[in-house]
């Protein structure tokens, strides 16, 4: 799988799970100890996510990190 395609899948899943949890980008940023702009860039697919950030976000969303890769 191409890297860009994978990053877009992750971005779409973060947005999907954030909305399922009725969270704003600001709420997700606070819960994952990240900047709001960081969340915005990840969700728009303009910032490549690290494993550490993936773990922080999945923890804030109460999901397994692998859920963001499906």
Protein backbone atom coordinates (compact mmCIF):
# COMPACT_ATOMS: atom_id res chain seq x y z
CA UNK A 1 0.00 0.00 0.00
CA UNK A 2 1.26 3.47 -0.83
CA UNK A 3 2.21 5.64 2.13
CA UNK A 4 -0.10 8.48 1.09
CA UNK A 5 -3.04 6.10 0.85
CA UNK A 6 -2.33 4.75 4.33
CA UNK A 7 -2.07 8.26 5.82
CA UNK A 8 -5.42 9.15 4.22
CA UNK A 9 -7.04 6.02 5.69
CA UNK A 10 -5.71 6.96 9.13
CA UNK A 11 -6.89 10.57 8.71
CA UNK A 12 -10.39 9.47 7.72
CA UNK A 13 -10.59 7.02 10.61
CA UNK A 14 -9.46 9.58 13.17
CA UNK A 15 -12.16 11.95 11.97
CA UNK A 16 -14.76 9.14 11.96
CA UNK A 17 -13.99 7.96 15.51
CA UNK A 18 -13.71 11.55 16.78
CA UNK A 19 -17.20 12.28 15.48
CA UNK A 20 -18.57 8.98 16.83
CA UNK A 21 -17.29 10.12 20.24
CA UNK A 22 -18.94 13.53 19.75
CA UNK A 23 -15.57 15.22 20.10
CA UNK A 24 -14.37 18.40 18.48
CA UNK A 25 -10.84 18.66 17.16
CA UNK A 26 -10.07 20.79 20.20
CA UNK A 27 -11.42 18.15 22.59
CA UNK A 28 -9.39 15.44 20.87
CA UNK A 29 -6.29 17.62 20.98
CA UNK A 30 -6.74 18.21 24.71
CA UNK A 31 -7.42 14.53 25.42
CA UNK A 32 -4.38 13.41 23.45
CA UNK A 33 -2.11 16.23 24.67
CA UNK A 34 -1.56 17.57 21.15
CA UNK A 35 -2.06 20.96 19.52
CA UNK A 36 -5.35 21.55 17.72
CA UNK A 37 -3.41 22.48 14.57
CA UNK A 38 -1.65 19.10 14.76
CA UNK A 39 -5.02 17.30 14.77
CA UNK A 40 -6.25 19.48 11.90
CA UNK A 41 -3.20 18.66 9.78
CA UNK A 42 -3.45 14.94 10.51
CA UNK A 43 -7.16 14.84 9.66
CA UNK A 44 -6.58 16.74 6.43
CA UNK A 45 -3.81 14.33 5.45
CA UNK A 46 -1.14 17.04 5.29
CA UNK A 47 0.89 15.73 8.23
CA UNK A 48 2.31 12.25 8.51
CA UNK A 49 1.43 10.70 11.85
CA UNK A 50 4.02 9.05 14.07
CA UNK A 51 3.45 5.85 16.04
CA UNK A 52 3.59 7.85 19.26
CA UNK A 53 0.91 10.26 18.04
CA UNK A 54 -1.20 7.36 16.75
CA UNK A 55 -1.08 5.85 20.24
CA UNK A 56 -2.03 9.13 21.93
CA UNK A 57 -4.98 9.68 19.61
CA UNK A 58 -6.25 6.10 19.81
CA UNK A 59 -6.03 6.25 23.60
CA UNK A 60 -8.00 9.50 23.65
CA UNK A 61 -10.63 7.89 21.40
CA UNK A 62 -10.73 4.71 23.55
CA UNK A 63 -9.89 2.46 20.61
CA UNK A 64 -7.05 0.14 19.68
CA UNK A 65 -4.42 1.77 17.44
CA UNK A 66 -5.07 -0.86 14.77
CA UNK A 67 -8.65 0.44 14.43
CA UNK A 68 -7.20 3.54 12.78
CA UNK A 69 -5.51 1.43 10.10
CA UNK A 70 -8.58 -0.40 8.84
